[in-house]
Amino acid sequence: MPAMVEDHLSRPNPSPNFYAIHGPGEILRKRRLSLPELWLKGHHLKHAISRFQQLQQSDDPFSLLSDECVSLILSKLPISEQISTSLVCKRWYSIHGRLVGSISVLDWDYLHSGRLTRRFPNLTEVNLVQASFQSPGRSGIMLSHNLVSVHVDPHCVNDCLIGEEGFLGSDLIDEGLQMLASGCPNLRKLKLANPSVKGLGFVAELCMTLQELEIHCCKDMSLRSISCFQNLQILKLIDR
């Protein structure tokens, strides 16, 4: 056996990267990997370097951030700064909408048009009480009672905001509740006013996880739909 082969075989536990056996009695040296090659051997490091090069060449560095990364950035900001930060671009604006879980609706058209559920698809708490009233938005007079504030037409009848005439039509409310229930099926808490049996039926059928329901100015007939809520734990009925 050649001296070179004997020398290599006599070493204890030779490294497999030091030589390779290609045939009987044939031993060839392998070139040792340099330090940069060892670092670049990992797939994750290659990917990181590639992303860094793209970042240097891109006109919009924020486009290289994943949705999860942007969500993490926005979630770490105070609520007062999240809205202004989300205006960086349309993508950030859309991602911010997914982080919002609670909202109070002031304009029923915003719900009825579908913009609410498209903007905030992951809502779990919604307050529709104030939006359920007929309210002239351009009026300079505002009537406030407890948690409800509505604009008042100076030519309206004094008790129109207390009776049924002060609420939106039942068909309009039913359509809005159907839109909300289909767009936000993970609702857990809902506040609304003057609902009908049909409207509550939409919510009970589509929002299986609803646990708390607060109803203002509810009619006796509307209560027939309460039994359809499978996971309802808290029910609040407020007359006025």
C-alpha atoms as a PDB file:
ATOM      1  CA  MET A   1       0.000   0.000   0.000  1.00  0.00           C
ATOM      2  CA  PRO A   2       1.441   3.416  -0.863  1.00  0.00           C
ATOM      3  CA  ALA A   3       2.803   5.463   1.990  1.00  0.00           C
ATOM      4  CA  MET A   4       0.299   8.279   1.381  1.00  0.00           C
ATOM      5  CA  VAL A   5      -2.641   5.886   1.709  1.00  0.00           C
ATOM      6  CA  GLU A   6      -1.194   4.295   4.830  1.00  0.00           C
ATOM      7  CA  ASP A   7      -0.684   7.709   6.368  1.00  0.00           C
ATOM      8  CA  HIS A   8      -4.325   8.697   5.789  1.00  0.00           C
ATOM      9  CA  LEU A   9      -5.734   5.399   6.990  1.00  0.00           C
ATOM     10  CA  SER A  10      -3.631   5.468  10.134  1.00  0.00           C
ATOM     11  CA  ARG A  11      -5.303   8.688  11.296  1.00  0.00           C
ATOM     12  CA  PRO A  12      -8.056   8.090  13.884  1.00  0.00           C
ATOM     13  CA  ASN A  13     -11.606   8.834  12.662  1.00  0.00           C
ATOM     14  CA  PRO A  14     -10.720  10.609   9.415  1.00  0.00           C
ATOM     15  CA  SER A  15     -13.243  13.245   8.341  1.00  0.00           C
ATOM     16  CA  PRO A  16     -15.478  12.164   5.430  1.00  0.00           C
ATOM     17  CA  ASN A  17     -14.911  15.577   3.827  1.00  0.00           C
ATOM     18  CA  PHE A  18     -11.153  15.010   3.801  1.00  0.00           C
ATOM     19  CA  TYR A  19     -11.133  12.303   1.160  1.00  0.00           C
ATOM     20  CA  ALA A  20     -13.541  10.305  -0.980  1.00  0.00           C
ATOM     21  CA  ILE A  21     -13.271   6.702  -2.089  1.00  0.00           C
ATOM     22  CA  HIS A  22     -14.129   6.305  -5.766  1.00  0.00           C
ATOM     23  CA  GLY A  23     -12.990   2.751  -6.224  1.00  0.00           C
ATOM     24  CA  PRO A  24     -11.055  -0.068  -4.593  1.00  0.00           C
ATOM     25  CA  GLY A  25      -7.815   1.294  -3.222  1.00  0.00           C
ATOM     26  CA  GLU A  26      -8.366   4.749  -4.753  1.00  0.00           C
ATOM     27  CA  ILE A  27      -8.386   7.702  -2.375  1.00  0.00           C
ATOM     28  CA  LEU A  28      -8.640  11.292  -3.604  1.00  0.00           C
ATOM     29  CA  ARG A  29      -8.288  14.459  -1.615  1.00  0.00           C
ATOM     30  CA  LYS A  30     -11.264  16.881  -1.498  1.00  0.00           C
ATOM     31  CA  ARG A  31     -10.714  20.598  -1.321  1.00  0.00           C
ATOM     32  CA  ARG A  32     -11.596  22.059   2.044  1.00  0.00           C
ATOM     33  CA  LEU A  33     -14.482  24.563   1.960  1.00  0.00           C
ATOM     34  CA  SER A  34     -13.529  28.140   2.644  1.00  0.00           C
ATOM     35  CA  LEU A  35     -15.222  30.084   5.431  1.00  0.00           C
ATOM     36  CA  PRO A  36     -17.455  32.129   3.058  1.00  0.00           C
ATOM     37  CA  GLU A  37     -18.498  28.921   1.307  1.00  0.00           C
ATOM     38  CA  LEU A  38     -19.432  27.353   4.616  1.00  0.00           C
ATOM     39  CA  TRP A  39     -21.602  30.375   5.460  1.00  0.00           C
ATOM     40  CA  LEU A  40     -23.270  30.412   2.048  1.00  0.00           C
ATOM     41  CA  LYS A  41     -23.957  26.707   2.203  1.00  0.00           C
ATOM     42  CA  GLY A  42     -27.145  27.263   4.223  1.00  0.00           C
ATOM     43  CA  HIS A  43     -30.325  27.901   2.235  1.00  0.00           C
ATOM     44  CA  HIS A  44     -31.672  30.476   4.692  1.00  0.00           C
ATOM     45  CA  LEU A  45     -28.586  32.654   4.438  1.00  0.00           C
ATOM     46  CA  LYS A  46     -28.714  32.585   0.647  1.00  0.00           C
ATOM     47  CA  HIS A  47     -32.350  33.633   0.796  1.00  0.00           C
ATOM     48  CA  ALA A  48     -31.560  36.473   3.213  1.00  0.00           C
ATOM     49  CA  ILE A  49     -28.761  37.781   0.990  1.00  0.00           C
ATOM     50  CA  SER A  50     -31.033  37.613  -2.042  1.00  0.00           C
ATOM     51  CA  ARG A  51     -33.745  39.575  -0.224  1.00  0.00           C
ATOM     52  CA  PHE A  52     -31.196  42.146   0.915  1.00  0.00           C
ATOM     53  CA  GLN A  53     -30.022  42.647  -2.661  1.00  0.00           C
ATOM     54  CA  GLN A  54     -33.628  43.088  -3.789  1.00  0.00           C
ATOM     55  CA  LEU A  55     -34.153  45.618  -1.013  1.00  0.00           C
ATOM     56  CA  GLN A  56     -31.219  47.696  -2.252  1.00  0.00           C
ATOM     57  CA  GLN A  57     -32.481  47.665  -5.840  1.00  0.00           C
ATOM     58  CA  SER A  58     -36.198  48.209  -5.117  1.00  0.00           C
ATOM     59  CA  ASP A  59     -37.847  51.630  -5.401  1.00  0.00           C
ATOM     60  CA  ASP A  60     -40.417  50.604  -2.759  1.00  0.00           C
ATOM     61  CA  PRO A  61     -38.656  48.754   0.092  1.00  0.00           C
ATOM     62  CA  PHE A  62     -41.964  48.232   1.956  1.00  0.00           C
ATOM     63  CA  SER A  63     -43.237  46.005  -0.861  1.00  0.00           C
ATOM     64  CA  LEU A  64     -40.709  43.344   0.176  1.00  0.00           C
ATOM     65  CA  LEU A  65     -42.217  43.029   3.662  1.00  0.00           C
ATOM     66  CA  SER A  66     -44.638  40.154   4.123  1.00  0.00           C
ATOM     67  CA  ASP A  67     -48.207  40.716   5.320  1.00  0.00           C
ATOM     68  CA  GLU A  68     -47.315  39.081   8.641  1.00  0.00           C
ATOM     69  CA  CYS A  69     -44.436  41.511   9.135  1.00  0.00           C
ATOM     70  CA  VAL A  70     -46.603  44.549   8.344  1.00  0.00           C
ATOM     71  CA  SER A  71     -49.315  43.262  10.702  1.00  0.00           C
ATOM     72  CA  LEU A  72     -46.740  42.926  13.465  1.00  0.00           C
ATOM     73  CA  ILE A  73     -45.487  46.476  12.870  1.00  0.00           C
ATOM     74  CA  LEU A  74     -48.987  47.960  12.980  1.00  0.00           C
ATOM     75  CA  SER A  75     -50.027  45.940  16.028  1.00  0.00           C
ATOM     76  CA  LYS A  76     -47.084  47.316  18.028  1.00  0.00           C
ATOM     77  CA  LEU A  77     -48.151  50.918  17.422  1.00  0.00           C
ATOM     78  CA  PRO A  78     -50.593  52.828  19.652  1.00  0.00           C
ATOM     79  CA  ILE A  79     -54.146  52.791  18.314  1.00  0.00           C
ATOM     80  CA  SER A  80     -53.969  56.549  17.724  1.00  0.00           C
ATOM     81  CA  GLU A  81     -51.045  56.044  15.310  1.00  0.00           C
ATOM     82  CA  GLN A  82     -52.233  52.921  13.519  1.00  0.00           C
ATOM     83  CA  ILE A  83     -54.654  54.759  11.219  1.00  0.00           C
ATOM     84  CA  SER A  84     -52.129  57.348  10.046  1.00  0.00           C
ATOM     85  CA  THR A  85     -49.460  54.676   9.555  1.00  0.00           C
ATOM     86  CA  SER A  86     -51.844  52.510   7.524  1.00  0.00           C
ATOM     87  CA  LEU A  87     -52.071  55.318   4.948  1.00  0.00           C
ATOM     88  CA  VAL A  88     -48.572  54.488   3.672  1.00  0.00           C
ATOM     89  CA  CYS A  89     -50.137  52.524   0.807  1.00  0.00           C
ATOM     90  CA  LYS A  90     -53.284  50.606  -0.124  1.00  0.00           C
ATOM     91  CA  ARG A  91     -51.751  47.330   1.006  1.00  0.00           C
ATOM     92  CA  TRP A  92     -50.997  48.628   4.489  1.00  0.00           C
ATOM     93  CA  TYR A  93     -54.484  50.140   4.618  1.00  0.00           C
ATOM     94  CA  SER A  94     -56.005  46.746   3.852  1.00  0.00           C
ATOM     95  CA  ILE A  95     -53.816  44.939   6.388  1.00  0.00           C
ATOM     96  CA  HIS A  96     -54.746  47.439   9.097  1.00  0.00           C
ATOM     97  CA  GLY A  97     -58.429  46.717   8.484  1.00  0.00           C
ATOM     98  CA  ARG A  98     -57.861  43.066   9.339  1.00  0.00           C
ATOM     99  CA  LEU A  99     -56.457  44.024  12.749  1.00  0.00           C
ATOM    100  CA  VAL A 100     -59.556  45.960  13.868  1.00  0.00           C
ATOM    101  CA  GLY A 101     -61.860  43.849  16.030  1.00  0.00           C
ATOM    102  CA  SER A 102     -64.282  46.388  17.529  1.00  0.00           C
ATOM    103  CA  ILE A 103     -66.172  49.287  15.957  1.00  0.00           C
ATOM    104  CA  SER A 104     -69.167  51.581  16.494  1.00  0.00           C
ATOM    105  CA  VAL A 105     -71.030  52.359  13.274  1.00  0.00           C
ATOM    106  CA  LEU A 106     -72.417  55.886  12.900  1.00  0.00           C
ATOM    107  CA  ASP A 107     -73.731  55.678   9.330  1.00  0.00           C
ATOM    108  CA  TRP A 108     -75.990  52.794   8.276  1.00  0.00           C
ATOM    109  CA  ASP A 109     -75.112  53.334   4.608  1.00  0.00           C
ATOM    110  CA  TYR A 110     -71.523  52.389   5.423  1.00  0.00           C
ATOM    111  CA  LEU A 111     -72.805  48.985   6.546  1.00  0.00           C
ATOM    112  CA  HIS A 112     -75.527  48.578   3.920  1.00  0.00           C
ATOM    113  CA  SER A 113     -73.127  49.299   1.035  1.00  0.00           C
ATOM    114  CA  GLY A 114     -70.780  46.504   2.121  1.00  0.00           C
ATOM    115  CA  ARG A 115     -67.866  48.848   2.788  1.00  0.00           C
ATOM    116  CA  LEU A 116     -67.794  48.002   6.494  1.00  0.00           C
ATOM    117  CA  THR A 117     -67.262  44.256   6.061  1.00  0.00           C
ATOM    118  CA  ARG A 118     -64.788  44.746   3.216  1.00  0.00           C
ATOM    119  CA  ARG A 119     -62.750  47.203   5.263  1.00  0.00           C
ATOM    120  CA  PHE A 120     -62.942  45.276   8.558  1.00  0.00           C
ATOM    121  CA  PRO A 121     -63.478  41.542   7.830  1.00  0.00           C
ATOM    122  CA  ASN A 122     -62.361  40.314  11.275  1.00  0.00           C
ATOM    123  CA  LEU A 123     -64.749  42.251  13.502  1.00  0.00           C
ATOM    124  CA  THR A 124     -65.833  40.570  16.731  1.00  0.00           C
ATOM    125  CA  GLU A 125     -67.653  43.484  18.441  1.00  0.00           C
ATOM    126  CA  VAL A 126     -70.031  45.839  16.600  1.00  0.00           C
ATOM    127  CA  ASN A 127     -72.316  48.604  17.878  1.00  0.00           C
ATOM    128  CA  LEU A 128     -75.130  49.536  15.466  1.00  0.00           C
ATOM    129  CA  VAL A 129     -77.376  51.452  17.870  1.00  0.00           C
ATOM    130  CA  GLN A 130     -76.465  54.961  16.804  1.00  0.00           C
ATOM    131  CA  ALA A 131     -76.595  54.094  13.101  1.00  0.00           C
ATOM    132  CA  SER A 132     -80.128  52.674  13.467  1.00  0.00           C
ATOM    133  CA  PHE A 133     -81.671  56.123  13.955  1.00  0.00           C
ATOM    134  CA  GLN A 134     -82.814  58.385  11.163  1.00  0.00           C
ATOM    135  CA  SER A 135     -80.425  61.275  11.436  1.00  0.00           C
ATOM    136  CA  PRO A 136     -79.912  64.260   9.115  1.00  0.00           C
ATOM    137  CA  GLY A 137     -76.124  64.366   9.036  1.00  0.00           C
ATOM    138  CA  ARG A 138     -75.895  68.050   8.120  1.00  0.00           C
ATOM    139  CA  SER A 139     -77.998  69.262  11.020  1.00  0.00           C
ATOM    140  CA  GLY A 140     -76.207  71.444  13.549  1.00  0.00           C
ATOM    141  CA  ILE A 141     -78.297  70.102  16.442  1.00  0.00           C
ATOM    142  CA  MET A 142     -77.207  66.921  18.209  1.00  0.00           C
ATOM    143  CA  LEU A 143     -79.282  65.022  20.754  1.00  0.00           C
ATOM    144  CA  SER A 144     -77.361  62.849  23.230  1.00  0.00           C
ATOM    145  CA  HIS A 145     -78.797  60.293  25.626  1.00  0.00           C
ATOM    146  CA  ASN A 146     -76.579  57.823  27.479  1.00  0.00           C
ATOM    147  CA  LEU A 147     -74.327  56.297  24.802  1.00  0.00           C
ATOM    148  CA  VAL A 148     -76.375  57.445  21.799  1.00  0.00           C
ATOM    149  CA  SER A 149     -75.869  60.757  19.984  1.00  0.00           C
ATOM    150  CA  VAL A 150     -77.824  61.674  16.847  1.00  0.00           C
ATOM    151  CA  HIS A 151     -78.252  64.767  14.726  1.00  0.00           C
ATOM    152  CA  VAL A 152     -81.758  66.228  14.929  1.00  0.00           C
ATOM    153  CA  ASP A 153     -83.730  67.965  12.232  1.00  0.00           C
ATOM    154  CA  PRO A 154     -85.064  71.213  13.770  1.00  0.00           C
ATOM    155  CA  HIS A 155     -88.345  70.728  11.874  1.00  0.00           C
ATOM    156  CA  CYS A 156     -89.014  67.191  13.156  1.00  0.00           C
ATOM    157  CA  VAL A 157     -91.699  66.253  15.645  1.00  0.00           C
ATOM    158  CA  ASN A 158     -90.540  66.257  19.261  1.00  0.00           C
ATOM    159  CA  ASP A 159     -91.118  62.558  19.893  1.00  0.00           C
ATOM    160  CA  CYS A 160     -90.035  61.196  16.490  1.00  0.00           C
ATOM    161  CA  LEU A 161     -86.727  59.957  17.897  1.00  0.00           C
ATOM    162  CA  ILE A 162     -88.456  58.034  20.667  1.00  0.00           C
ATOM    163  CA  GLY A 163     -91.141  56.183  18.730  1.00  0.00           C
ATOM    164  CA  GLU A 164     -90.814  53.834  15.780  1.00  0.00           C
ATOM    165  CA  GLU A 165     -90.679  56.737  13.333  1.00  0.00           C
ATOM    166  CA  GLY A 166     -87.240  57.637  14.621  1.00  0.00           C
ATOM    167  CA  PHE A 167     -85.696  54.353  13.435  1.00  0.00           C
ATOM    168  CA  LEU A 168     -84.711  53.232   9.979  1.00  0.00           C
ATOM    169  CA  GLY A 169     -87.096  50.991   8.072  1.00  0.00           C
ATOM    170  CA  SER A 170     -87.210  47.346   9.115  1.00  0.00           C
ATOM    171  CA  ASP A 171     -86.294  46.161   5.602  1.00  0.00           C
ATOM    172  CA  LEU A 172     -83.212  48.373   5.576  1.00  0.00           C
ATOM    173  CA  ILE A 173     -82.163  47.134   9.016  1.00  0.00           C
ATOM    174  CA  ASP A 174     -82.698  43.500   7.987  1.00  0.00           C
ATOM    175  CA  GLU A 175     -80.547  43.940   4.875  1.00  0.00           C
ATOM    176  CA  GLY A 176     -77.808  45.571   6.920  1.00  0.00           C
ATOM    177  CA  LEU A 177     -77.838  42.778   9.503  1.00  0.00           C
ATOM    178  CA  GLN A 178     -77.638  40.176   6.753  1.00  0.00           C
ATOM    179  CA  MET A 179     -74.684  42.023   5.224  1.00  0.00           C
ATOM    180  CA  LEU A 180     -72.943  42.199   8.597  1.00  0.00           C
ATOM    181  CA  ALA A 181     -73.570  38.559   9.512  1.00  0.00           C
ATOM    182  CA  SER A 182     -72.351  37.225   6.162  1.00  0.00           C
ATOM    183  CA  GLY A 183     -69.250  39.439   6.119  1.00  0.00           C
ATOM    184  CA  CYS A 184     -68.260  39.037   9.783  1.00  0.00           C
ATOM    185  CA  PRO A 185     -69.330  35.541  10.885  1.00  0.00           C
ATOM    186  CA  ASN A 186     -66.989  35.604  13.900  1.00  0.00           C
ATOM    187  CA  LEU A 187     -68.978  38.215  15.814  1.00  0.00           C
ATOM    188  CA  ARG A 188     -69.036  37.702  19.572  1.00  0.00           C
ATOM    189  CA  LYS A 189     -70.760  40.884  20.745  1.00  0.00           C
ATOM    190  CA  LEU A 190     -73.452  42.888  18.955  1.00  0.00           C
ATOM    191  CA  LYS A 191     -75.465  45.973  19.904  1.00  0.00           C
ATOM    192  CA  LEU A 192     -78.429  46.977  17.752  1.00  0.00           C
ATOM    193  CA  ALA A 193     -81.785  48.730  17.886  1.00  0.00           C
ATOM    194  CA  ASN A 194     -85.303  47.904  16.697  1.00  0.00           C
ATOM    195  CA  PRO A 195     -84.467  44.618  14.919  1.00  0.00           C
ATOM    196  CA  SER A 196     -87.069  42.348  13.379  1.00  0.00           C
ATOM    197  CA  VAL A 197     -87.446  38.583  13.608  1.00  0.00           C
ATOM    198  CA  LYS A 198     -85.955  38.244  10.138  1.00  0.00           C
ATOM    199  CA  GLY A 199     -82.915  40.386  10.914  1.00  0.00           C
ATOM    200  CA  LEU A 200     -82.120  38.547  14.133  1.00  0.00           C
ATOM    201  CA  GLY A 201     -82.589  35.278  12.272  1.00  0.00           C
ATOM    202  CA  PHE A 202     -79.792  36.212   9.849  1.00  0.00           C
ATOM    203  CA  VAL A 203     -77.456  36.927  12.754  1.00  0.00           C
ATOM    204  CA  ALA A 204     -78.370  33.715  14.595  1.00  0.00           C
ATOM    205  CA  GLU A 205     -77.850  31.596  11.489  1.00  0.00           C
ATOM    206  CA  LEU A 206     -74.548  33.062  10.291  1.00  0.00           C
ATOM    207  CA  CYS A 207     -72.855  34.195  13.524  1.00  0.00           C
ATOM    208  CA  MET A 208     -72.536  30.912  15.370  1.00  0.00           C
ATOM    209  CA  THR A 209     -70.017  32.269  17.905  1.00  0.00           C
ATOM    210  CA  LEU A 210     -72.116  35.236  19.100  1.00  0.00           C
ATOM    211  CA  GLN A 211     -72.081  35.300  22.907  1.00  0.00           C
ATOM    212  CA  GLU A 212     -73.440  38.733  23.895  1.00  0.00           C
ATOM    213  CA  LEU A 213     -76.429  40.535  22.403  1.00  0.00           C
ATOM    214  CA  GLU A 214     -77.745  43.958  23.417  1.00  0.00           C
ATOM    215  CA  ILE A 215     -81.047  45.058  21.861  1.00  0.00           C
ATOM    216  CA  HIS A 216     -82.533  48.539  22.189  1.00  0.00           C
ATOM    217  CA  CYS A 217     -86.259  49.134  21.653  1.00  0.00           C
ATOM    218  CA  CYS A 218     -86.989  45.511  20.894  1.00  0.00           C
ATOM    219  CA  LYS A 219     -90.499  44.358  20.008  1.00  0.00           C
ATOM    220  CA  ASP A 220     -92.011  41.306  21.648  1.00  0.00           C
ATOM    221  CA  MET A 221     -92.273  39.475  18.327  1.00  0.00           C
ATOM    222  CA  SER A 222     -88.547  39.925  17.682  1.00  0.00           C
ATOM    223  CA  LEU A 223     -87.709  37.929  20.795  1.00  0.00           C
ATOM    224  CA  ARG A 224     -88.894  34.774  19.063  1.00  0.00           C
ATOM    225  CA  SER A 225     -85.522  34.591  17.288  1.00  0.00           C
ATOM    226  CA  ILE A 226     -83.505  34.605  20.513  1.00  0.00           C
ATOM    227  CA  SER A 227     -83.851  30.839  20.877  1.00  0.00           C
ATOM    228  CA  CYS A 228     -81.984  30.390  17.575  1.00  0.00           C
ATOM    229  CA  PHE A 229     -78.709  31.677  19.050  1.00  0.00           C
ATOM    230  CA  GLN A 230     -76.824  28.526  20.016  1.00  0.00           C
ATOM    231  CA  ASN A 231     -73.947  30.050  22.016  1.00  0.00           C
ATOM    232  CA  LEU A 232     -75.612  33.176  23.417  1.00  0.00           C
ATOM    233  CA  GLN A 233     -74.562  33.780  27.038  1.00  0.00           C
ATOM    234  CA  ILE A 234     -75.562  37.401  27.747  1.00  0.00           C
ATOM    235  CA  LEU A 235     -78.777  39.099  26.596  1.00  0.00           C
ATOM    236  CA  LYS A 236     -79.532  42.743  27.416  1.00  0.00           C
ATOM    237  CA  LEU A 237     -82.907  44.279  26.563  1.00  0.00           C
ATOM    238  CA  ILE A 238     -83.069  48.080  26.788  1.00  0.00           C
ATOM    239  CA  ASP A 239     -86.462  49.717  26.335  1.00  0.00           C
ATOM    240  CA  ARG A 240     -85.372  53.307  25.678  1.00  0.00           C
END
